[in-house]
C-alpha atoms as a PDB file:
ATOM      1  CA  UNK A   1     142.005  -5.631  29.598  1.00  0.00           C
ATOM      2  CA  UNK A   2     144.591  -6.276  32.259  1.00  0.00           C
ATOM      3  CA  UNK A   3     145.078  -9.600  33.893  1.00  0.00           C
ATOM      4  CA  UNK A   4     144.827  -8.210  37.401  1.00  0.00           C
ATOM      5  CA  UNK A   5     141.195  -7.247  36.826  1.00  0.00           C
ATOM      6  CA  UNK A   6     140.301 -10.870  36.091  1.00  0.00           C
ATOM      7  CA  UNK A   7     142.257 -12.135  39.054  1.00  0.00           C
ATOM      8  CA  UNK A   8     140.567  -9.680  41.405  1.00  0.00           C
ATOM      9  CA  UNK A   9     137.130 -10.469  39.958  1.00  0.00           C
ATOM     10  CA  UNK A  10     137.610 -14.192  40.488  1.00  0.00           C
ATOM     11  CA  UNK A  11     138.919 -13.663  44.006  1.00  0.00           C
ATOM     12  CA  UNK A  12     136.039 -11.434  45.119  1.00  0.00           C
ATOM     13  CA  UNK A  13     133.390 -13.633  43.562  1.00  0.00           C
ATOM     14  CA  UNK A  14     134.913 -16.739  45.165  1.00  0.00           C
ATOM     15  CA  UNK A  15     134.708 -15.014  48.525  1.00  0.00           C
ATOM     16  CA  UNK A  16     131.044 -14.151  47.997  1.00  0.00           C
ATOM     17  CA  UNK A  17     130.282 -17.654  46.758  1.00  0.00           C
ATOM     18  CA  UNK A  18     131.959 -19.065  49.844  1.00  0.00           C
ATOM     19  CA  UNK A  19     129.676 -17.019  52.083  1.00  0.00           C
ATOM     20  CA  UNK A  20     126.589 -18.155  50.180  1.00  0.00           C
ATOM     21  CA  UNK A  21     127.750 -21.753  50.278  1.00  0.00           C
ATOM     22  CA  UNK A  22     128.368 -21.535  54.009  1.00  0.00           C
ATOM     23  CA  UNK A  23     124.887 -20.126  54.574  1.00  0.00           C
ATOM     24  CA  UNK A  24     123.333 -22.825  52.439  1.00  0.00           C
ATOM     25  CA  UNK A  25     125.164 -25.628  54.197  1.00  0.00           C
ATOM     26  CA  UNK A  26     124.333 -24.242  57.616  1.00  0.00           C
ATOM     27  CA  UNK A  27     120.606 -24.253  56.895  1.00  0.00           C
ATOM     28  CA  UNK A  28     120.531 -28.019  56.868  1.00  0.00           C
ATOM     29  CA  UNK A  29     123.120 -30.734  57.490  1.00  0.00           C
ATOM     30  CA  UNK A  30     121.301 -33.717  56.056  1.00  0.00           C
ATOM     31  CA  UNK A  31     121.017 -33.841  52.243  1.00  0.00           C
ATOM     32  CA  UNK A  32     118.339 -36.506  52.478  1.00  0.00           C
ATOM     33  CA  UNK A  33     115.929 -34.050  54.091  1.00  0.00           C
ATOM     34  CA  UNK A  34     116.494 -31.235  51.615  1.00  0.00           C
ATOM     35  CA  UNK A  35     113.259 -30.093  49.994  1.00  0.00           C
ATOM     36  CA  UNK A  36     112.274 -27.592  47.378  1.00  0.00           C
ATOM     37  CA  UNK A  37     111.465 -25.101  50.137  1.00  0.00           C
ATOM     38  CA  UNK A  38     114.950 -25.331  51.607  1.00  0.00           C
ATOM     39  CA  UNK A  39     116.555 -24.586  48.227  1.00  0.00           C
ATOM     40  CA  UNK A  40     114.245 -21.614  47.707  1.00  0.00           C
ATOM     41  CA  UNK A  41     115.191 -20.286  51.151  1.00  0.00           C
ATOM     42  CA  UNK A  42     118.850 -20.187  50.100  1.00  0.00           C
ATOM     43  CA  UNK A  43     118.317 -18.395  46.794  1.00  0.00           C
ATOM     44  CA  UNK A  44     115.337 -16.208  47.733  1.00  0.00           C
ATOM     45  CA  UNK A  45     117.144 -13.100  48.968  1.00  0.00           C
ATOM     46  CA  UNK A  46     114.220 -10.752  48.294  1.00  0.00           C
ATOM     47  CA  UNK A  47     112.048 -12.960  50.524  1.00  0.00           C
ATOM     48  CA  UNK A  48     109.047 -13.279  48.218  1.00  0.00           C
ATOM     49  CA  UNK A  49     108.948 -17.072  48.447  1.00  0.00           C
ATOM     50  CA  UNK A  50     110.183 -17.664  44.909  1.00  0.00           C
ATOM     51  CA  UNK A  51     113.371 -17.993  42.909  1.00  0.00           C
ATOM     52  CA  UNK A  52     113.370 -15.064  40.490  1.00  0.00           C
ATOM     53  CA  UNK A  53     115.655 -12.809  38.506  1.00  0.00           C
ATOM     54  CA  UNK A  54     115.484 -10.080  41.156  1.00  0.00           C
ATOM     55  CA  UNK A  55     117.187 -12.445  43.616  1.00  0.00           C
ATOM     56  CA  UNK A  56     120.064 -12.975  41.203  1.00  0.00           C
ATOM     57  CA  UNK A  57     120.460  -9.282  40.402  1.00  0.00           C
ATOM     58  CA  UNK A  58     120.444  -8.374  44.104  1.00  0.00           C
ATOM     59  CA  UNK A  59     123.082 -10.977  44.945  1.00  0.00           C
ATOM     60  CA  UNK A  60     125.084 -10.025  41.859  1.00  0.00           C
ATOM     61  CA  UNK A  61     125.154  -6.308  42.617  1.00  0.00           C
ATOM     62  CA  UNK A  62     126.143  -6.983  46.218  1.00  0.00           C
ATOM     63  CA  UNK A  63     129.139  -8.991  45.015  1.00  0.00           C
ATOM     64  CA  UNK A  64     132.392  -7.000  45.007  1.00  0.00           C
ATOM     65  CA  UNK A  65     133.589  -6.436  41.446  1.00  0.00           C
ATOM     66  CA  UNK A  66     130.232  -6.813  39.707  1.00  0.00           C
ATOM     67  CA  UNK A  67     129.268  -3.143  39.652  1.00  0.00           C
ATOM     68  CA  UNK A  68     131.026  -1.225  36.882  1.00  0.00           C
ATOM     69  CA  UNK A  69     131.854   2.475  37.174  1.00  0.00           C
ATOM     70  CA  UNK A  70     131.072   3.901  33.750  1.00  0.00           C
ATOM     71  CA  UNK A  71     133.655   6.710  33.740  1.00  0.00           C
ATOM     72  CA  UNK A  72     136.477   4.482  34.975  1.00  0.00           C
ATOM     73  CA  UNK A  73     135.632   1.786  32.443  1.00  0.00           C
ATOM     74  CA  UNK A  74     135.410   4.107  29.431  1.00  0.00           C
ATOM     75  CA  UNK A  75     138.552   5.966  30.441  1.00  0.00           C
ATOM     76  CA  UNK A  76     140.503   2.722  30.791  1.00  0.00           C
ATOM     77  CA  UNK A  77     139.366   1.445  27.390  1.00  0.00           C
ATOM     78  CA  UNK A  78     139.876   4.590  25.330  1.00  0.00           C
ATOM     79  CA  UNK A  79     142.867   6.366  26.866  1.00  0.00           C
ATOM     80  CA  UNK A  80     145.272   4.022  25.045  1.00  0.00           C
ATOM     81  CA  UNK A  81     144.277   5.262  21.588  1.00  0.00           C
ATOM     82  CA  UNK A  82     142.710   8.682  22.091  1.00  0.00           C
ATOM     83  CA  UNK A  83     143.667  12.076  23.531  1.00  0.00           C
ATOM     84  CA  UNK A  84     142.177  13.191  26.823  1.00  0.00           C
ATOM     85  CA  UNK A  85     139.622  15.530  25.234  1.00  0.00           C
ATOM     86  CA  UNK A  86     138.136  12.679  23.179  1.00  0.00           C
ATOM     87  CA  UNK A  87     137.961  10.403  26.210  1.00  0.00           C
ATOM     88  CA  UNK A  88     136.271  13.172  28.211  1.00  0.00           C
ATOM     89  CA  UNK A  89     133.673  13.605  25.451  1.00  0.00           C
ATOM     90  CA  UNK A  90     132.988   9.868  25.448  1.00  0.00           C
ATOM     91  CA  UNK A  91     132.412   9.997  29.197  1.00  0.00           C
ATOM     92  CA  UNK A  92     130.356  13.202  29.193  1.00  0.00           C
ATOM     93  CA  UNK A  93     128.169  12.060  26.291  1.00  0.00           C
ATOM     94  CA  UNK A  94     128.999   8.665  24.766  1.00  0.00           C
ATOM     95  CA  UNK A  95     131.659   7.051  22.529  1.00  0.00           C
ATOM     96  CA  UNK A  96     129.682   7.604  19.308  1.00  0.00           C
ATOM     97  CA  UNK A  97     129.284  11.313  20.151  1.00  0.00           C
ATOM     98  CA  UNK A  98     133.065  11.498  20.631  1.00  0.00           C
ATOM     99  CA  UNK A  99     133.404  10.094  17.077  1.00  0.00           C
ATOM    100  CA  UNK A 100     135.140   6.941  18.208  1.00  0.00           C
ATOM    101  CA  UNK A 101     134.787   4.524  15.315  1.00  0.00           C
ATOM    102  CA  UNK A 102     132.198   1.758  15.318  1.00  0.00           C
ATOM    103  CA  UNK A 103     134.910  -0.782  14.480  1.00  0.00           C
ATOM    104  CA  UNK A 104     136.918   0.175  17.573  1.00  0.00           C
ATOM    105  CA  UNK A 105     133.860   0.026  19.817  1.00  0.00           C
ATOM    106  CA  UNK A 106     132.878  -3.351  18.362  1.00  0.00           C
ATOM    107  CA  UNK A 107     136.401  -4.677  18.914  1.00  0.00           C
ATOM    108  CA  UNK A 108     136.384  -3.608  22.574  1.00  0.00           C
ATOM    109  CA  UNK A 109     132.931  -5.159  22.978  1.00  0.00           C
ATOM    110  CA  UNK A 110     134.289  -8.487  21.709  1.00  0.00           C
ATOM    111  CA  UNK A 111     137.183  -8.252  24.166  1.00  0.00           C
ATOM    112  CA  UNK A 112     134.724  -7.546  26.981  1.00  0.00           C
ATOM    113  CA  UNK A 113     132.694 -10.646  26.134  1.00  0.00           C
ATOM    114  CA  UNK A 114     135.800 -12.819  25.880  1.00  0.00           C
ATOM    115  CA  UNK A 115     137.195 -11.452  29.134  1.00  0.00           C
ATOM    116  CA  UNK A 116     134.016 -11.996  31.139  1.00  0.00           C
ATOM    117  CA  UNK A 117     133.516 -15.478  29.714  1.00  0.00           C
ATOM    118  CA  UNK A 118     137.057 -16.411  30.694  1.00  0.00           C
ATOM    119  CA  UNK A 119     136.444 -15.115  34.208  1.00  0.00           C
ATOM    120  CA  UNK A 120     133.217 -17.048  34.683  1.00  0.00           C
ATOM    121  CA  UNK A 121     134.683 -20.174  33.081  1.00  0.00           C
ATOM    122  CA  UNK A 122     137.693 -20.115  35.355  1.00  0.00           C
ATOM    123  CA  UNK A 123     135.652 -19.801  38.508  1.00  0.00           C
ATOM    124  CA  UNK A 124     133.305 -22.590  37.358  1.00  0.00           C
ATOM    125  CA  UNK A 125     136.054 -25.133  37.855  1.00  0.00           C
ATOM    126  CA  UNK A 126     136.988 -23.609  41.205  1.00  0.00           C
ATOM    127  CA  UNK A 127     133.420 -24.101  42.390  1.00  0.00           C
ATOM    128  CA  UNK A 128     133.548 -27.857  41.824  1.00  0.00           C
ATOM    129  CA  UNK A 129     132.504 -29.736  44.954  1.00  0.00           C
ATOM    130  CA  UNK A 130     131.743 -33.354  45.862  1.00  0.00           C
ATOM    131  CA  UNK A 131     128.148 -34.607  46.066  1.00  0.00           C
ATOM    132  CA  UNK A 132     126.105 -34.935  49.205  1.00  0.00           C
ATOM    133  CA  UNK A 133     125.450 -31.996  51.502  1.00  0.00           C
ATOM    134  CA  UNK A 134     127.930 -29.796  49.668  1.00  0.00           C
ATOM    135  CA  UNK A 135     125.869 -30.046  46.493  1.00  0.00           C
ATOM    136  CA  UNK A 136     123.091 -27.795  47.747  1.00  0.00           C
ATOM    137  CA  UNK A 137     125.607 -25.080  48.533  1.00  0.00           C
ATOM    138  CA  UNK A 138     126.953 -25.094  44.979  1.00  0.00           C
ATOM    139  CA  UNK A 139     123.552 -24.373  43.416  1.00  0.00           C
ATOM    140  CA  UNK A 140     123.404 -20.680  44.392  1.00  0.00           C
ATOM    141  CA  UNK A 141     127.144 -20.514  43.757  1.00  0.00           C
ATOM    142  CA  UNK A 142     126.655 -21.599  40.137  1.00  0.00           C
ATOM    143  CA  UNK A 143     123.837 -19.132  39.622  1.00  0.00           C
ATOM    144  CA  UNK A 144     125.749 -16.296  41.284  1.00  0.00           C
ATOM    145  CA  UNK A 145     128.939 -16.718  39.316  1.00  0.00           C
ATOM    146  CA  UNK A 146     127.142 -17.121  35.971  1.00  0.00           C
ATOM    147  CA  UNK A 147     124.675 -14.248  36.212  1.00  0.00           C
ATOM    148  CA  UNK A 148     127.111 -12.054  38.135  1.00  0.00           C
ATOM    149  CA  UNK A 149     129.554 -11.961  35.247  1.00  0.00           C
ATOM    150  CA  UNK A 150     126.657 -11.570  32.823  1.00  0.00           C
ATOM    151  CA  UNK A 151     125.652  -8.414  34.727  1.00  0.00           C
ATOM    152  CA  UNK A 152     129.239  -7.143  34.451  1.00  0.00           C
ATOM    153  CA  UNK A 153     129.236  -7.737  30.703  1.00  0.00           C
ATOM    154  CA  UNK A 154     125.829  -6.063  30.320  1.00  0.00           C
ATOM    155  CA  UNK A 155     126.964  -2.889  32.076  1.00  0.00           C
ATOM    156  CA  UNK A 156     130.148  -2.656  30.004  1.00  0.00           C
ATOM    157  CA  UNK A 157     128.340  -3.219  26.706  1.00  0.00           C
ATOM    158  CA  UNK A 158     125.690  -0.630  27.524  1.00  0.00           C
ATOM    159  CA  UNK A 159     128.346   1.954  28.339  1.00  0.00           C
ATOM    160  CA  UNK A 160     130.285   1.235  25.142  1.00  0.00           C
ATOM    161  CA  UNK A 161     127.167   1.702  23.040  1.00  0.00           C
ATOM    162  CA  UNK A 162     126.034   4.955  24.576  1.00  0.00           C
ATOM    163  CA  UNK A 163     123.942   4.358  27.691  1.00  0.00           C
ATOM    164  CA  UNK A 164     124.470   6.594  30.739  1.00  0.00           C
ATOM    165  CA  UNK A 165     125.555   5.365  34.169  1.00  0.00           C
ATOM    166  CA  UNK A 166     123.258   2.773  35.723  1.00  0.00           C
ATOM    167  CA  UNK A 167     122.685   3.715  39.356  1.00  0.00           C
ATOM    168  CA  UNK A 168     123.680   0.565  41.254  1.00  0.00           C
ATOM    169  CA  UNK A 169     123.856   2.150  44.686  1.00  0.00           C
ATOM    170  CA  UNK A 170     121.678   0.615  47.373  1.00  0.00           C
ATOM    171  CA  UNK A 171     118.889   2.590  49.000  1.00  0.00           C
ATOM    172  CA  UNK A 172     118.856   1.095  52.459  1.00  0.00           C
ATOM    173  CA  UNK A 173     118.707  -2.647  51.869  1.00  0.00           C
ATOM    174  CA  UNK A 174     117.202  -2.345  48.365  1.00  0.00           C
ATOM    175  CA  UNK A 175     118.245  -1.319  44.892  1.00  0.00           C
ATOM    176  CA  UNK A 176     116.339   1.320  42.983  1.00  0.00           C
ATOM    177  CA  UNK A 177     113.451  -0.214  41.009  1.00  0.00           C
ATOM    178  CA  UNK A 178     114.584   1.616  37.863  1.00  0.00           C
ATOM    179  CA  UNK A 179     118.004  -0.029  38.094  1.00  0.00           C
ATOM    180  CA  UNK A 180     116.424  -3.411  38.728  1.00  0.00           C
ATOM    181  CA  UNK A 181     114.108  -3.118  35.727  1.00  0.00           C
ATOM    182  CA  UNK A 182     116.844  -1.894  33.358  1.00  0.00           C
ATOM    183  CA  UNK A 183     118.980  -4.898  34.247  1.00  0.00           C
ATOM    184  CA  UNK A 184     116.006  -7.259  33.914  1.00  0.00           C
ATOM    185  CA  UNK A 185     115.470  -5.934  30.385  1.00  0.00           C
ATOM    186  CA  UNK A 186     119.185  -6.323  29.581  1.00  0.00           C
ATOM    187  CA  UNK A 187     119.132  -9.938  30.695  1.00  0.00           C
ATOM    188  CA  UNK A 188     115.911 -10.401  28.744  1.00  0.00           C
ATOM    189  CA  UNK A 189     117.660  -9.230  25.567  1.00  0.00           C
ATOM    190  CA  UNK A 190     120.574 -11.559  26.299  1.00  0.00           C
ATOM    191  CA  UNK A 191     118.256 -14.554  26.515  1.00  0.00           C
ATOM    192  CA  UNK A 192     116.040 -13.519  23.614  1.00  0.00           C
ATOM    193  CA  UNK A 193     112.895 -12.957  25.690  1.00  0.00           C
ATOM    194  CA  UNK A 194     110.063 -11.522  23.615  1.00  0.00           C
ATOM    195  CA  UNK A 195     109.676  -7.759  23.804  1.00  0.00           C
ATOM    196  CA  UNK A 196     112.976  -7.039  25.574  1.00  0.00           C
ATOM    197  CA  UNK A 197     114.839  -6.057  22.396  1.00  0.00           C
ATOM    198  CA  UNK A 198     112.231  -3.438  21.479  1.00  0.00           C
ATOM    199  CA  UNK A 199     112.338  -2.023  25.005  1.00  0.00           C
ATOM    200  CA  UNK A 200     116.091  -1.488  25.068  1.00  0.00           C
ATOM    201  CA  UNK A 201     115.992   0.218  21.673  1.00  0.00           C
ATOM    202  CA  UNK A 202     113.095   2.399  22.821  1.00  0.00           C
ATOM    203  CA  UNK A 203     115.062   3.349  25.940  1.00  0.00           C
ATOM    204  CA  UNK A 204     117.996   4.377  23.737  1.00  0.00           C
ATOM    205  CA  UNK A 205     115.654   6.368  21.474  1.00  0.00           C
ATOM    206  CA  UNK A 206     114.156   8.140  24.470  1.00  0.00           C
ATOM    207  CA  UNK A 207     117.590   9.009  25.821  1.00  0.00           C
ATOM    208  CA  UNK A 208     118.791  10.101  22.386  1.00  0.00           C
ATOM    209  CA  UNK A 209     115.774  12.383  21.941  1.00  0.00           C
ATOM    210  CA  UNK A 210     116.240  13.934  25.373  1.00  0.00           C
ATOM    211  CA  UNK A 211     113.200  12.459  27.100  1.00  0.00           C
ATOM    212  CA  UNK A 212     113.424  13.469  30.745  1.00  0.00           C
ATOM    213  CA  UNK A 213     114.912  10.893  33.085  1.00  0.00           C
ATOM    214  CA  UNK A 214     111.858  10.984  35.343  1.00  0.00           C
ATOM    215  CA  UNK A 215     109.572  10.116  32.414  1.00  0.00           C
ATOM    216  CA  UNK A 216     111.798   7.183  31.464  1.00  0.00           C
ATOM    217  CA  UNK A 217     111.879   6.038  35.077  1.00  0.00           C
ATOM    218  CA  UNK A 218     108.090   6.235  35.329  1.00  0.00           C
ATOM    219  CA  UNK A 219     107.752   4.177  32.172  1.00  0.00           C
ATOM    220  CA  UNK A 220     110.104   1.539  33.570  1.00  0.00           C
ATOM    221  CA  UNK A 221     108.348   1.260  36.903  1.00  0.00           C
ATOM    222  CA  UNK A 222     104.657   1.736  36.136  1.00  0.00           C
ATOM    223  CA  UNK A 223     104.200   2.880  32.534  1.00  0.00           C
ATOM    224  CA  UNK A 224     104.549   1.533  28.993  1.00  0.00           C
ATOM    225  CA  UNK A 225     107.691  -0.519  29.608  1.00  0.00           C
ATOM    226  CA  UNK A 226     106.654  -2.008  32.938  1.00  0.00           C
ATOM    227  CA  UNK A 227     104.363  -4.759  31.547  1.00  0.00           C
ATOM    228  CA  UNK A 228     107.257  -6.094  29.483  1.00  0.00           C
ATOM    229  CA  UNK A 229     109.529  -5.991  32.538  1.00  0.00           C
ATOM    230  CA  UNK A 230     106.980  -8.141  34.376  1.00  0.00           C
ATOM    231  CA  UNK A 231     106.735 -10.524  31.412  1.00  0.00           C
ATOM    232  CA  UNK A 232     110.525 -10.910  31.264  1.00  0.00           C
ATOM    233  CA  UNK A 233     110.654 -11.490  35.023  1.00  0.00           C
ATOM    234  CA  UNK A 234     108.019 -14.201  34.765  1.00  0.00           C
ATOM    235  CA  UNK A 235     109.973 -15.922  31.985  1.00  0.00           C
ATOM    236  CA  UNK A 236     113.118 -15.932  34.096  1.00  0.00           C
ATOM    237  CA  UNK A 237     111.238 -17.260  37.123  1.00  0.00           C
ATOM    238  CA  UNK A 238     110.194 -20.356  35.185  1.00  0.00           C
ATOM    239  CA  UNK A 239     113.626 -20.775  33.606  1.00  0.00           C
ATOM    240  CA  UNK A 240     115.595 -20.437  36.819  1.00  0.00           C
ATOM    241  CA  UNK A 241     113.354 -22.743  38.832  1.00  0.00           C
ATOM    242  CA  UNK A 242     113.814 -25.412  36.164  1.00  0.00           C
ATOM    243  CA  UNK A 243     117.591 -24.883  36.076  1.00  0.00           C
ATOM    244  CA  UNK A 244     117.995 -25.169  39.833  1.00  0.00           C
ATOM    245  CA  UNK A 245     115.791 -28.184  40.416  1.00  0.00           C
ATOM    246  CA  UNK A 246     116.675 -30.060  37.240  1.00  0.00           C
ATOM    247  CA  UNK A 247     120.338 -29.885  38.214  1.00  0.00           C
ATOM    248  CA  UNK A 248     119.831 -30.722  41.876  1.00  0.00           C
ATOM    249  CA  UNK A 249     116.912 -33.114  42.147  1.00  0.00           C
ATOM    250  CA  UNK A 250     117.008 -34.927  38.802  1.00  0.00           C
ATOM    251  CA  UNK A 251     120.543 -35.027  37.471  1.00  0.00           C
ATOM    252  CA  UNK A 252     122.377 -35.073  40.820  1.00  0.00           C
ATOM    253  CA  UNK A 253     125.623 -34.157  39.102  1.00  0.00           C
ATOM    254  CA  UNK A 254     128.509 -34.845  41.556  1.00  0.00           C
ATOM    255  CA  UNK A 255     130.504 -31.752  40.642  1.00  0.00           C
ATOM    256  CA  UNK A 256     127.964 -29.009  40.122  1.00  0.00           C
ATOM    257  CA  UNK A 257     130.356 -26.076  39.802  1.00  0.00           C
ATOM    258  CA  UNK A 258     132.701 -27.741  37.344  1.00  0.00           C
ATOM    259  CA  UNK A 259     130.112 -29.507  35.206  1.00  0.00           C
ATOM    260  CA  UNK A 260     126.961 -27.404  35.245  1.00  0.00           C
ATOM    261  CA  UNK A 261     128.671 -24.014  35.523  1.00  0.00           C
ATOM    262  CA  UNK A 262     131.316 -24.759  32.906  1.00  0.00           C
ATOM    263  CA  UNK A 263     128.795 -26.301  30.547  1.00  0.00           C
ATOM    264  CA  UNK A 264     126.357 -23.410  30.785  1.00  0.00           C
ATOM    265  CA  UNK A 265     129.184 -20.931  30.290  1.00  0.00           C
ATOM    266  CA  UNK A 266     130.464 -22.328  27.023  1.00  0.00           C
ATOM    267  CA  UNK A 267     127.036 -23.132  25.609  1.00  0.00           C
ATOM    268  CA  UNK A 268     125.262 -19.867  26.341  1.00  0.00           C
ATOM    269  CA  UNK A 269     127.388 -17.102  27.881  1.00  0.00           C
ATOM    270  CA  UNK A 270     128.886 -15.735  24.671  1.00  0.00           C
ATOM    271  CA  UNK A 271     125.703 -16.077  22.561  1.00  0.00           C
ATOM    272  CA  UNK A 272     123.785 -14.227  25.280  1.00  0.00           C
ATOM    273  CA  UNK A 273     126.306 -11.387  25.296  1.00  0.00           C
ATOM    274  CA  UNK A 274     126.336 -11.335  21.490  1.00  0.00           C
ATOM    275  CA  UNK A 275     122.563 -10.796  21.443  1.00  0.00           C
ATOM    276  CA  UNK A 276     122.877  -7.738  23.672  1.00  0.00           C
ATOM    277  CA  UNK A 277     125.823  -6.405  21.683  1.00  0.00           C
ATOM    278  CA  UNK A 278     123.953  -6.784  18.383  1.00  0.00           C
ATOM    279  CA  UNK A 279     120.923  -5.006  19.807  1.00  0.00           C
ATOM    280  CA  UNK A 280     122.995  -2.131  21.173  1.00  0.00           C
ATOM    281  CA  UNK A 281     124.950  -1.709  17.931  1.00  0.00           C
ATOM    282  CA  UNK A 282     121.914  -0.213  16.227  1.00  0.00           C
ATOM    283  CA  UNK A 283     120.143   2.269  18.487  1.00  0.00           C
ATOM    284  CA  UNK A 284     119.803   6.036  18.378  1.00  0.00           C
ATOM    285  CA  UNK A 285     122.631   6.300  20.942  1.00  0.00           C
ATOM    286  CA  UNK A 286     125.146   4.242  18.956  1.00  0.00           C
ATOM    287  CA  UNK A 287     124.008   4.920  15.397  1.00  0.00           C
ATOM    288  CA  UNK A 288     122.729   8.394  14.347  1.00  0.00           C
ATOM    289  CA  UNK A 289     121.202   6.776  11.237  1.00  0.00           C
ATOM    290  CA  UNK A 290     119.178   4.288  13.269  1.00  0.00           C
ATOM    291  CA  UNK A 291     115.700   3.707  11.843  1.00  0.00           C
ATOM    292  CA  UNK A 292     113.122   3.992  14.614  1.00  0.00           C
ATOM    293  CA  UNK A 293     110.556   1.212  14.319  1.00  0.00           C
ATOM    294  CA  UNK A 294     106.830   1.729  14.866  1.00  0.00           C
ATOM    295  CA  UNK A 295     107.052  -0.268  18.092  1.00  0.00           C
ATOM    296  CA  UNK A 296     109.891   1.923  19.414  1.00  0.00           C
ATOM    297  CA  UNK A 297     108.086   5.123  18.433  1.00  0.00           C
ATOM    298  CA  UNK A 298     104.873   4.030  20.113  1.00  0.00           C
ATOM    299  CA  UNK A 299     106.727   3.088  23.296  1.00  0.00           C
ATOM    300  CA  UNK A 300     108.639   6.379  23.420  1.00  0.00           C
ATOM    301  CA  UNK A 301     105.481   8.400  22.781  1.00  0.00           C
ATOM    302  CA  UNK A 302     103.863   6.570  25.677  1.00  0.00           C
ATOM    303  CA  UNK A 303     106.567   7.921  27.984  1.00  0.00           C
ATOM    304  CA  UNK A 304     105.576  11.530  27.368  1.00  0.00           C
END
């Protein structure tokens, strides 16, 4: 990992956070009149009247530096120790197919987690702001910087352990529902939400067995996987509403960015990434000897 990547990531995310903060502050000048509805209006970018994980993913993917190009990332990580033909195989198929050792992949995964945690920790302090009207603006900033870097880590880990490119291009003003649901499941695994771990392994099994992309997409958006996506989304909705309003209305911490953001980072960022890494280490894409569970098999069969 090169230092310039971290510096650029912090710079671009600060710029995005500044825009969000400016929008939040402009919506109301008097902190005494802030209500739950006014906070929701800042964070609710999908305009459904709630604070949910889709809002955070949308804001995250729109932030410069959060989207990861799979080919560029894999090439950068493996070209130092492998000839071009091996790197090309890793990109065309996946690192395990290219016979890159599990120990090397695991080592890079650890570096990814450390790198992203350092980035999000560094910007936490930069987001520190005094109380009063400025406090409301730092709430979406905290959420953006934390989950934004978590999305970066998730993409990198998935690519290291065999998943194909996640299509993060916008279609008009929206992101593809398949992309949204894949990332919701990834975040669900990171936070240990029930059912998410089985889904990501089933997705890997389906991809490893050559299930058509359209069948996998259908399962993610209206089939066997979709109910779990909705369950994970509901879990995050409750969690995020509590996080936002507990920090703002109850604790009234004077320096939200430095205290809340930094605290959350060190307490949960690495464990969350470790959960995803551990799940991805044993799938049909990363481990040819992976034992397919009954739950995975049933889910994959339901895609056909």
